[in-house]
PDB file of all heavy atoms in Angstrom:
ATOM      1  N   ILE A   1     -24.956  -3.378 -18.728  1.00  0.00           N
ATOM      2  CA  ILE A   1     -23.636  -3.072 -18.482  1.00  0.00           C
ATOM      3  C   ILE A   1     -23.465  -2.349 -17.228  1.00  0.00           C
ATOM      4  O   ILE A   1     -22.500  -2.530 -16.479  1.00  0.00           O
ATOM      5  CB  ILE A   1     -23.045  -2.303 -19.725  1.00  0.00           C
ATOM      6  CG1 ILE A   1     -23.124  -3.110 -21.005  1.00  0.00           C
ATOM      7  CG2 ILE A   1     -21.595  -1.793 -19.395  1.00  0.00           C
ATOM      8  CD1 ILE A   1     -22.755  -2.222 -22.237  1.00  0.00           C
ATOM      9  N   LEU A   2     -24.262  -1.248 -17.004  1.00  0.00           N
ATOM     10  CA  LEU A   2     -24.044  -0.384 -15.786  1.00  0.00           C
ATOM     11  C   LEU A   2     -24.556  -0.974 -14.502  1.00  0.00           C
ATOM     12  O   LEU A   2     -23.911  -0.723 -13.469  1.00  0.00           O
ATOM     13  CB  LEU A   2     -24.799   0.951 -16.068  1.00  0.00           C
ATOM     14  CG  LEU A   2     -24.232   1.738 -17.243  1.00  0.00           C
ATOM     15  CD1 LEU A   2     -25.108   2.944 -17.520  1.00  0.00           C
ATOM     16  CD2 LEU A   2     -22.879   2.134 -16.866  1.00  0.00           C
ATOM     17  N   LYS A   3     -25.612  -1.789 -14.513  1.00  0.00           N
ATOM     18  CA  LYS A   3     -26.066  -2.327 -13.341  1.00  0.00           C
ATOM     19  C   LYS A   3     -25.058  -3.167 -12.526  1.00  0.00           C
ATOM     20  O   LYS A   3     -25.007  -2.974 -11.317  1.00  0.00           O
ATOM     21  CB  LYS A   3     -27.369  -3.103 -13.560  1.00  0.00           C
ATOM     22  CG  LYS A   3     -28.049  -3.562 -12.271  1.00  0.00           C
ATOM     23  CD  LYS A   3     -28.379  -2.504 -11.346  1.00  0.00           C
ATOM     24  CE  LYS A   3     -29.078  -3.015 -10.075  1.00  0.00           C
ATOM     25  NZ  LYS A   3     -29.305  -1.938  -9.060  1.00  0.00           N
ATOM     26  N   PRO A   4     -24.350  -4.130 -13.190  1.00  0.00           N
ATOM     27  CA  PRO A   4     -23.474  -4.890 -12.433  1.00  0.00           C
ATOM     28  C   PRO A   4     -22.267  -4.041 -11.914  1.00  0.00           C
ATOM     29  O   PRO A   4     -21.763  -4.316 -10.805  1.00  0.00           O
ATOM     30  CB  PRO A   4     -22.855  -5.987 -13.509  1.00  0.00           C
ATOM     31  CG  PRO A   4     -23.987  -6.002 -14.512  1.00  0.00           C
ATOM     32  CD  PRO A   4     -24.559  -4.685 -14.562  1.00  0.00           C
ATOM     33  N   LEU A   5     -21.882  -2.917 -12.618  1.00  0.00           N
ATOM     34  CA  LEU A   5     -20.843  -2.120 -12.181  1.00  0.00           C
ATOM     35  C   LEU A   5     -21.351  -1.328 -10.911  1.00  0.00           C
ATOM     36  O   LEU A   5     -20.569  -1.125 -10.013  1.00  0.00           O
ATOM     37  CB  LEU A   5     -20.437  -1.091 -13.279  1.00  0.00           C
ATOM     38  CG  LEU A   5     -19.786  -1.781 -14.414  1.00  0.00           C
ATOM     39  CD1 LEU A   5     -19.504  -0.634 -15.578  1.00  0.00           C
ATOM     40  CD2 LEU A   5     -18.408  -2.324 -14.135  1.00  0.00           C
ATOM     41  N   SER A   6     -22.544  -0.869 -10.946  1.00  0.00           N
ATOM     42  CA  SER A   6     -23.114  -0.269  -9.850  1.00  0.00           C
ATOM     43  C   SER A   6     -23.159  -1.140  -8.580  1.00  0.00           C
ATOM     44  O   SER A   6     -22.829  -0.733  -7.438  1.00  0.00           O
ATOM     45  CB  SER A   6     -24.453   0.260 -10.226  1.00  0.00           C
ATOM     46  OG  SER A   6     -25.177   0.823  -8.996  1.00  0.00           O
ATOM     47  N   SER A   7     -23.530  -2.426  -8.794  1.00  0.00           N
ATOM     48  CA  SER A   7     -23.644  -3.395  -7.662  1.00  0.00           C
ATOM     49  C   SER A   7     -22.254  -3.636  -7.126  1.00  0.00           C
ATOM     50  O   SER A   7     -22.089  -3.723  -5.910  1.00  0.00           O
ATOM     51  CB  SER A   7     -24.281  -4.677  -8.190  1.00  0.00           C
ATOM     52  OG  SER A   7     -25.538  -4.520  -8.627  1.00  0.00           O
ATOM     53  N   ARG A   8     -21.303  -3.670  -7.976  1.00  0.00           N
ATOM     54  CA  ARG A   8     -19.889  -3.834  -7.511  1.00  0.00           C
ATOM     55  C   ARG A   8     -19.425  -2.703  -6.643  1.00  0.00           C
ATOM     56  O   ARG A   8     -18.766  -2.922  -5.528  1.00  0.00           O
ATOM     57  CB  ARG A   8     -18.937  -3.946  -8.749  1.00  0.00           C
ATOM     58  CG  ARG A   8     -17.456  -4.167  -8.399  1.00  0.00           C
ATOM     59  CD  ARG A   8     -16.682  -4.021  -9.704  1.00  0.00           C
ATOM     60  NE  ARG A   8     -15.247  -4.078  -9.412  1.00  0.00           N
ATOM     61  CZ  ARG A   8     -14.299  -3.656 -10.345  1.00  0.00           C
ATOM     62  NH1 ARG A   8     -14.727  -3.296 -11.496  1.00  0.00           N
ATOM     63  NH2 ARG A   8     -12.959  -3.662  -9.989  1.00  0.00           N
ATOM     64  N   ILE A   9     -19.781  -1.456  -7.006  1.00  0.00           N
ATOM     65  CA  ILE A   9     -19.396  -0.300  -6.258  1.00  0.00           C
ATOM     66  C   ILE A   9     -20.069  -0.318  -4.879  1.00  0.00           C
ATOM     67  O   ILE A   9     -19.376  -0.026  -3.828  1.00  0.00           O
ATOM     68  CB  ILE A   9     -19.808   0.979  -7.002  1.00  0.00           C
ATOM     69  CG1 ILE A   9     -18.834   1.189  -8.200  1.00  0.00           C
ATOM     70  CG2 ILE A   9     -19.609   2.205  -6.084  1.00  0.00           C
ATOM     71  CD1 ILE A   9     -19.308   2.261  -9.150  1.00  0.00           C
ATOM     72  N   VAL A  10     -21.287  -0.783  -4.810  1.00  0.00           N
ATOM     73  CA  VAL A  10     -22.084  -0.816  -3.576  1.00  0.00           C
ATOM     74  C   VAL A  10     -21.426  -1.747  -2.539  1.00  0.00           C
ATOM     75  O   VAL A  10     -21.239  -1.455  -1.372  1.00  0.00           O
ATOM     76  CB  VAL A  10     -23.515  -1.230  -3.863  1.00  0.00           C
ATOM     77  CG1 VAL A  10     -24.233  -1.636  -2.582  1.00  0.00           C
ATOM     78  CG2 VAL A  10     -24.293  -0.092  -4.510  1.00  0.00           C
ATOM     79  N   VAL A  11     -21.078  -3.008  -3.153  1.00  0.00           N
ATOM     80  CA  VAL A  11     -20.434  -3.966  -2.269  1.00  0.00           C
ATOM     81  C   VAL A  11     -19.030  -3.572  -1.762  1.00  0.00           C
ATOM     82  O   VAL A  11     -18.658  -3.732  -0.628  1.00  0.00           O
ATOM     83  CB  VAL A  11     -20.392  -5.362  -3.001  1.00  0.00           C
ATOM     84  CG1 VAL A  11     -19.518  -6.356  -2.189  1.00  0.00           C
ATOM     85  CG2 VAL A  11     -21.738  -5.806  -3.255  1.00  0.00           C
ATOM     86  N   LEU A  12     -18.295  -2.914  -2.659  1.00  0.00           N
ATOM     87  CA  LEU A  12     -16.917  -2.419  -2.314  1.00  0.00           C
ATOM     88  C   LEU A  12     -17.003  -1.383  -1.245  1.00  0.00           C
ATOM     89  O   LEU A  12     -16.243  -1.271  -0.333  1.00  0.00           O
ATOM     90  CB  LEU A  12     -16.275  -1.934  -3.555  1.00  0.00           C
ATOM     91  CG  LEU A  12     -15.652  -2.937  -4.565  1.00  0.00           C
ATOM     92  CD1 LEU A  12     -15.116  -2.208  -5.717  1.00  0.00           C
ATOM     93  CD2 LEU A  12     -14.484  -3.705  -3.851  1.00  0.00           C
ATOM     94  N   ARG A  13     -17.983  -0.439  -1.380  1.00  0.00           N
ATOM     95  CA  ARG A  13     -18.178   0.571  -0.425  1.00  0.00           C
ATOM     96  C   ARG A  13     -18.467  -0.076   1.016  1.00  0.00           C
ATOM     97  O   ARG A  13     -17.967   0.444   2.079  1.00  0.00           O
ATOM     98  CB  ARG A  13     -19.255   1.532  -0.737  1.00  0.00           C
ATOM     99  CG  ARG A  13     -18.793   2.494  -1.854  1.00  0.00           C
ATOM    100  CD  ARG A  13     -20.062   3.457  -2.122  1.00  0.00           C
ATOM    101  NE  ARG A  13     -19.678   4.528  -2.991  1.00  0.00           N
ATOM    102  CZ  ARG A  13     -20.543   5.527  -3.455  1.00  0.00           C
ATOM    103  NH1 ARG A  13     -21.739   5.535  -2.931  1.00  0.00           N
ATOM    104  NH2 ARG A  13     -20.033   6.467  -4.266  1.00  0.00           N
ATOM    105  N   GLY A  14     -19.383  -1.019   1.036  1.00  0.00           N
ATOM    106  CA  GLY A  14     -19.680  -1.774   2.261  1.00  0.00           C
ATOM    107  C   GLY A  14     -18.486  -2.448   2.862  1.00  0.00           C
ATOM    108  O   GLY A  14     -18.358  -2.433   4.076  1.00  0.00           O
ATOM    109  N   ALA A  15     -17.691  -2.969   1.874  1.00  0.00           N
ATOM    110  CA  ALA A  15     -16.446  -3.658   2.479  1.00  0.00           C
ATOM    111  C   ALA A  15     -15.451  -2.688   3.112  1.00  0.00           C
ATOM    112  O   ALA A  15     -14.859  -3.007   4.061  1.00  0.00           O
ATOM    113  CB  ALA A  15     -15.781  -4.571   1.272  1.00  0.00           C
ATOM    114  N   VAL A  16     -15.302  -1.561   2.429  1.00  0.00           N
ATOM    115  CA  VAL A  16     -14.383  -0.613   2.979  1.00  0.00           C
ATOM    116  C   VAL A  16     -14.835  -0.074   4.322  1.00  0.00           C
ATOM    117  O   VAL A  16     -14.110   0.125   5.231  1.00  0.00           O
ATOM    118  CB  VAL A  16     -14.256   0.656   2.048  1.00  0.00           C
ATOM    119  CG1 VAL A  16     -13.451   1.674   2.606  1.00  0.00           C
ATOM    120  CG2 VAL A  16     -13.443   0.090   0.721  1.00  0.00           C
ATOM    121  N   LEU A  17     -16.238   0.160   4.424  1.00  0.00           N
ATOM    122  CA  LEU A  17     -16.746   0.642   5.709  1.00  0.00           C
ATOM    123  C   LEU A  17     -16.543  -0.471   6.847  1.00  0.00           C
ATOM    124  O   LEU A  17     -16.055  -0.168   7.954  1.00  0.00           O
ATOM    125  CB  LEU A  17     -18.258   0.935   5.571  1.00  0.00           C
ATOM    126  CG  LEU A  17     -18.989   1.220   6.861  1.00  0.00           C
ATOM    127  CD1 LEU A  17     -18.485   2.555   7.419  1.00  0.00           C
ATOM    128  CD2 LEU A  17     -20.439   1.320   6.664  1.00  0.00           C
ATOM    129  N   ASN A  18     -16.761  -1.657   6.500  1.00  0.00           N
ATOM    130  CA  ASN A  18     -16.537  -2.686   7.501  1.00  0.00           C
ATOM    131  C   ASN A  18     -15.000  -2.829   7.861  1.00  0.00           C
ATOM    132  O   ASN A  18     -14.665  -3.117   9.009  1.00  0.00           O
ATOM    133  CB  ASN A  18     -16.975  -4.082   6.975  1.00  0.00           C
ATOM    134  CG  ASN A  18     -18.533  -4.245   7.147  1.00  0.00           C
ATOM    135  OD1 ASN A  18     -19.038  -4.025   8.173  1.00  0.00           O
ATOM    136  ND2 ASN A  18     -19.169  -4.571   5.994  1.00  0.00           N
ATOM    137  N   GLY A  19     -14.185  -2.577   6.824  1.00  0.00           N
ATOM    138  CA  GLY A  19     -12.786  -2.647   7.101  1.00  0.00           C
ATOM    139  C   GLY A  19     -12.256  -1.587   8.021  1.00  0.00           C
ATOM    140  O   GLY A  19     -11.512  -1.736   8.889  1.00  0.00           O
ATOM    141  N   VAL A  20     -12.868  -0.307   7.837  1.00  0.00           N
ATOM    142  CA  VAL A  20     -12.547   0.821   8.748  1.00  0.00           C
ATOM    143  C   VAL A  20     -13.008   0.520  10.188  1.00  0.00           C
ATOM    144  O   VAL A  20     -12.344   0.798  11.125  1.00  0.00           O
ATOM    145  CB  VAL A  20     -13.172   2.108   8.143  1.00  0.00           C
ATOM    146  CG1 VAL A  20     -13.066   3.212   9.188  1.00  0.00           C
ATOM    147  CG2 VAL A  20     -12.492   2.457   6.848  1.00  0.00           C
ATOM    148  N   CYS A  21     -14.216  -0.037  10.267  1.00  0.00           N
ATOM    149  CA  CYS A  21     -14.709  -0.379  11.627  1.00  0.00           C
ATOM    150  C   CYS A  21     -13.886  -1.432  12.214  1.00  0.00           C
ATOM    151  O   CYS A  21     -13.539  -1.440  13.433  1.00  0.00           O
ATOM    152  CB  CYS A  21     -16.161  -0.905  11.492  1.00  0.00           C
ATOM    153  SG  CYS A  21     -17.359   0.324  11.069  1.00  0.00           S
ATOM    154  N   LEU A  22     -13.420  -2.432  11.439  1.00  0.00           N
ATOM    155  CA  LEU A  22     -12.450  -3.462  12.014  1.00  0.00           C
ATOM    156  C   LEU A  22     -11.266  -2.843  12.523  1.00  0.00           C
ATOM    157  O   LEU A  22     -10.583  -3.306  13.480  1.00  0.00           O
ATOM    158  CB  LEU A  22     -12.310  -4.624  11.079  1.00  0.00           C
ATOM    159  CG  LEU A  22     -11.342  -5.749  11.447  1.00  0.00           C
ATOM    160  CD1 LEU A  22     -11.859  -6.438  12.673  1.00  0.00           C
ATOM    161  CD2 LEU A  22     -11.215  -6.760  10.205  1.00  0.00           C
ATOM    162  N   LEU A  23     -10.688  -1.914  11.641  1.00  0.00           N
ATOM    163  CA  LEU A  23      -9.446  -1.239  11.983  1.00  0.00           C
ATOM    164  C   LEU A  23      -9.504  -0.521  13.324  1.00  0.00           C
ATOM    165  O   LEU A  23      -8.683  -0.606  14.230  1.00  0.00           O
ATOM    166  CB  LEU A  23      -9.068  -0.350  10.884  1.00  0.00           C
ATOM    167  CG  LEU A  23      -7.702   0.403  10.984  1.00  0.00           C
ATOM    168  CD1 LEU A  23      -6.615  -0.532  11.027  1.00  0.00           C
ATOM    169  CD2 LEU A  23      -7.517   1.414   9.750  1.00  0.00           C
ATOM    170  N   TYR A  24     -10.615   0.251  13.581  1.00  0.00           N
ATOM    171  CA  TYR A  24     -10.824   0.955  14.769  1.00  0.00           C
ATOM    172  C   TYR A  24     -10.994  -0.142  15.978  1.00  0.00           C
ATOM    173  O   TYR A  24     -10.502   0.185  17.047  1.00  0.00           O
ATOM    174  CB  TYR A  24     -12.002   1.800  14.700  1.00  0.00           C
ATOM    175  CG  TYR A  24     -11.792   3.167  14.102  1.00  0.00           C
ATOM    176  CD1 TYR A  24     -12.193   3.549  12.898  1.00  0.00           C
ATOM    177  CD2 TYR A  24     -11.031   4.186  14.807  1.00  0.00           C
ATOM    178  CE1 TYR A  24     -12.020   4.761  12.390  1.00  0.00           C
ATOM    179  CE2 TYR A  24     -10.730   5.312  14.233  1.00  0.00           C
ATOM    180  CZ  TYR A  24     -11.277   5.724  12.997  1.00  0.00           C
ATOM    181  OH  TYR A  24     -11.056   6.964  12.436  1.00  0.00           O
ATOM    182  N   SER A  25     -11.668  -1.199  15.711  1.00  0.00           N
ATOM    183  CA  SER A  25     -11.812  -2.209  16.771  1.00  0.00           C
ATOM    184  C   SER A  25     -10.472  -2.798  17.103  1.00  0.00           C
ATOM    185  O   SER A  25     -10.338  -2.979  18.386  1.00  0.00           O
ATOM    186  CB  SER A  25     -12.797  -3.265  16.206  1.00  0.00           C
ATOM    187  OG  SER A  25     -14.109  -2.784  15.806  1.00  0.00           O
ATOM    188  N   LEU A  26      -9.670  -3.084  16.225  1.00  0.00           N
ATOM    189  CA  LEU A  26      -8.327  -3.599  16.551  1.00  0.00           C
ATOM    190  C   LEU A  26      -7.460  -2.631  17.318  1.00  0.00           C
ATOM    191  O   LEU A  26      -6.745  -3.000  18.226  1.00  0.00           O
ATOM    192  CB  LEU A  26      -7.589  -4.128  15.299  1.00  0.00           C
ATOM    193  CG  LEU A  26      -8.213  -5.419  14.586  1.00  0.00           C
ATOM    194  CD1 LEU A  26      -7.541  -5.579  13.294  1.00  0.00           C
ATOM    195  CD2 LEU A  26      -8.054  -6.573  15.435  1.00  0.00           C
ATOM    196  N   ILE A  27      -7.579  -1.371  16.967  1.00  0.00           N
ATOM    197  CA  ILE A  27      -6.825  -0.436  17.728  1.00  0.00           C
ATOM    198  C   ILE A  27      -7.386  -0.292  19.177  1.00  0.00           C
ATOM    199  O   ILE A  27      -6.613  -0.282  20.151  1.00  0.00           O
ATOM    200  CB  ILE A  27      -6.982   0.974  16.994  1.00  0.00           C
ATOM    201  CG1 ILE A  27      -6.251   0.997  15.638  1.00  0.00           C
ATOM    202  CG2 ILE A  27      -6.449   2.043  17.997  1.00  0.00           C
ATOM    203  CD1 ILE A  27      -6.447   2.207  14.901  1.00  0.00           C
ATOM    204  N   ILE A  28      -8.662  -0.381  19.394  1.00  0.00           N
ATOM    205  CA  ILE A  28      -9.292  -0.334  20.731  1.00  0.00           C
ATOM    206  C   ILE A  28      -8.912  -1.615  21.453  1.00  0.00           C
ATOM    207  O   ILE A  28      -8.590  -1.578  22.617  1.00  0.00           O
ATOM    208  CB  ILE A  28     -10.878  -0.270  20.551  1.00  0.00           C
ATOM    209  CG1 ILE A  28     -11.307   1.044  20.025  1.00  0.00           C
ATOM    210  CG2 ILE A  28     -11.460  -0.484  21.995  1.00  0.00           C
ATOM    211  CD1 ILE A  28     -12.736   1.164  19.768  1.00  0.00           C
ATOM    212  N   PHE A  29      -8.778  -2.775  20.741  1.00  0.00           N
ATOM    213  CA  PHE A  29      -8.443  -4.006  21.366  1.00  0.00           C
ATOM    214  C   PHE A  29      -7.016  -3.945  21.814  1.00  0.00           C
ATOM    215  O   PHE A  29      -6.563  -4.436  22.972  1.00  0.00           O
ATOM    216  CB  PHE A  29      -8.630  -5.113  20.322  1.00  0.00           C
ATOM    217  CG  PHE A  29      -8.457  -6.450  20.997  1.00  0.00           C
ATOM    218  CD1 PHE A  29      -8.667  -6.837  22.315  1.00  0.00           C
ATOM    219  CD2 PHE A  29      -8.032  -7.597  20.158  1.00  0.00           C
ATOM    220  CE1 PHE A  29      -8.448  -8.031  22.849  1.00  0.00           C
ATOM    221  CE2 PHE A  29      -7.835  -8.810  20.644  1.00  0.00           C
ATOM    222  CZ  PHE A  29      -8.011  -9.013  22.057  1.00  0.00           C
ATOM    223  N   PHE A  30      -6.140  -3.349  21.087  1.00  0.00           N
ATOM    224  CA  PHE A  30      -4.797  -3.167  21.311  1.00  0.00           C
ATOM    225  C   PHE A  30      -4.550  -2.295  22.603  1.00  0.00           C
ATOM    226  O   PHE A  30      -3.790  -2.649  23.558  1.00  0.00           O
ATOM    227  CB  PHE A  30      -3.936  -2.623  20.213  1.00  0.00           C
ATOM    228  CG  PHE A  30      -2.491  -2.382  20.399  1.00  0.00           C
ATOM    229  CD1 PHE A  30      -1.548  -3.517  20.522  1.00  0.00           C
ATOM    230  CD2 PHE A  30      -1.953  -1.119  20.625  1.00  0.00           C
ATOM    231  CE1 PHE A  30      -0.250  -3.302  20.681  1.00  0.00           C
ATOM    232  CE2 PHE A  30      -0.671  -0.949  20.859  1.00  0.00           C
ATOM    233  CZ  PHE A  30       0.228  -2.019  20.902  1.00  0.00           C
ATOM    234  N   ILE A  31      -5.230  -1.207  22.660  1.00  0.00           N
ATOM    235  CA  ILE A  31      -5.140  -0.320  23.751  1.00  0.00           C
ATOM    236  C   ILE A  31      -5.690  -0.958  25.020  1.00  0.00           C
ATOM    237  O   ILE A  31      -5.121  -0.817  26.102  1.00  0.00           O
ATOM    238  CB  ILE A  31      -5.911   1.051  23.471  1.00  0.00           C
ATOM    239  CG1 ILE A  31      -5.224   1.811  22.299  1.00  0.00           C
ATOM    240  CG2 ILE A  31      -6.025   1.934  24.699  1.00  0.00           C
ATOM    241  CD1 ILE A  31      -5.996   2.961  21.827  1.00  0.00           C
ATOM    242  N   TYR A  32      -6.891  -1.686  24.886  1.00  0.00           N
ATOM    243  CA  TYR A  32      -7.433  -2.452  26.023  1.00  0.00           C
ATOM    244  C   TYR A  32      -6.428  -3.423  26.629  1.00  0.00           C
ATOM    245  O   TYR A  32      -6.301  -3.551  27.839  1.00  0.00           O
ATOM    246  CB  TYR A  32      -8.703  -3.062  25.545  1.00  0.00           C
ATOM    247  CG  TYR A  32      -9.369  -3.934  26.673  1.00  0.00           C
ATOM    248  CD1 TYR A  32     -10.061  -3.289  27.653  1.00  0.00           C
ATOM    249  CD2 TYR A  32      -9.239  -5.352  26.680  1.00  0.00           C
ATOM    250  CE1 TYR A  32     -10.609  -4.078  28.731  1.00  0.00           C
ATOM    251  CE2 TYR A  32      -9.781  -6.056  27.631  1.00  0.00           C
ATOM    252  CZ  TYR A  32     -10.525  -5.494  28.615  1.00  0.00           C
ATOM    253  OH  TYR A  32     -11.089  -6.282  29.601  1.00  0.00           O
TER     254      TYR A  32
END
């Protein structure tokens, strides 16, 4: 029961980190 939930959290954390990096990249692109 717990292992799939843990894997889901790991992937969601990675997705949020990539989203934050993309957000900063778009801001830099807009300023550029």
